[in-house]
Amino acid sequence: MAKPDNRADNVERIQFNINHTISNFNEAEEYLAEHADEITPQDRQAIEAKNERRLQSLQSFREEIRDEAKHREQS
């Protein structure tokens, strides 16, 4: 038998992921600012692409939080 859906900590888990993603984004930006002249164009492009994916993830996390808020209102 499947376990019932326990969404009690979803908002906290999502918020943790948001904070972690923002931290990683900022660290990458700081790294680029400090070492832009020391890294290859390919490495710079890879870091920039990863940060773009992080921004997309943040948008998805925010949508998940809105969904969780709606679920809590209905419960």
Protein backbone atom coordinates (compact mmCIF):
# COMPACT_ATOMS: atom_id res chain seq x y z
CA MET A 1 0.00 0.00 0.00
CA ALA A 2 1.30 3.46 -0.88
CA LYS A 3 2.14 5.91 1.88
CA PRO A 4 -0.22 8.86 2.20
CA ASP A 5 1.07 12.15 0.78
CA ASN A 6 2.69 14.04 3.66
CA ARG A 7 3.19 17.64 2.57
CA ALA A 8 3.75 19.04 6.05
CA ASP A 9 7.35 20.13 5.47
CA ASN A 10 7.22 20.94 1.77
CA VAL A 11 7.34 24.72 2.15
CA GLU A 12 10.31 24.51 4.51
CA ARG A 13 12.12 22.09 2.19
CA ILE A 14 11.46 24.29 -0.84
CA GLN A 15 12.60 27.39 1.06
CA PHE A 16 15.82 25.60 2.04
CA ASN A 17 16.40 24.78 -1.65
CA ILE A 18 15.72 28.39 -2.64
CA ASN A 19 18.23 29.69 -0.10
CA HIS A 20 20.83 27.14 -1.20
CA THR A 21 20.33 27.99 -4.88
CA ILE A 22 20.61 31.73 -4.23
CA SER A 23 23.81 31.14 -2.25
CA ASN A 24 25.31 29.09 -5.09
CA PHE A 25 24.26 31.73 -7.62
CA ASN A 26 25.91 34.50 -5.60
CA GLU A 27 29.10 32.48 -5.07
CA ALA A 28 29.37 31.86 -8.81
CA GLU A 29 28.82 35.54 -9.59
CA GLU A 30 31.47 36.54 -7.06
CA TYR A 31 33.87 33.98 -8.51
CA LEU A 32 33.34 35.36 -12.00
CA ALA A 33 33.85 38.92 -10.80
CA GLU A 34 37.10 38.04 -9.05
CA HIS A 35 38.58 35.57 -11.55
CA ALA A 36 37.13 36.49 -14.92
CA ASP A 37 40.55 37.17 -16.38
CA GLU A 38 41.96 33.87 -15.06
CA ILE A 39 39.44 31.39 -16.45
CA THR A 40 38.89 30.13 -19.94
CA PRO A 41 35.99 31.43 -22.03
CA GLN A 42 34.52 27.91 -21.92
CA ASP A 43 34.62 27.84 -18.11
CA ARG A 44 33.06 31.30 -17.93
CA GLN A 45 30.32 30.20 -20.32
CA ALA A 46 29.69 27.05 -18.27
CA ILE A 47 29.34 29.05 -15.04
CA GLU A 48 27.02 31.55 -16.72
CA ALA A 49 24.90 28.72 -18.14
CA LYS A 50 24.67 27.07 -14.74
CA ASN A 51 23.56 30.35 -13.18
CA GLU A 52 20.89 30.70 -15.86
CA ARG A 53 19.61 27.25 -14.89
CA ARG A 54 19.66 28.32 -11.25
CA LEU A 55 17.45 31.31 -12.10
CA GLN A 56 15.03 28.97 -13.85
CA SER A 57 15.04 26.67 -10.80
CA LEU A 58 14.26 29.61 -8.53
CA GLN A 59 11.20 30.40 -10.63
CA SER A 60 10.06 26.79 -10.37
CA PHE A 61 10.61 26.78 -6.60
CA ARG A 62 8.49 29.91 -6.27
CA GLU A 63 5.71 28.26 -8.25
CA GLU A 64 5.93 25.21 -5.98
CA ILE A 65 5.58 27.40 -2.90
CA ARG A 66 2.47 29.02 -4.39
CA ASP A 67 1.04 25.55 -5.03
CA GLU A 68 1.80 24.51 -1.47
CA ALA A 69 0.15 27.66 -0.12
CA LYS A 70 -2.99 26.87 -2.12
CA HIS A 71 -2.93 23.28 -0.82
CA ARG A 72 -2.68 24.52 2.78
CA GLU A 73 -5.62 26.89 2.25
CA GLN A 74 -7.75 24.02 0.97
CA SER A 75 -6.84 21.73 3.90
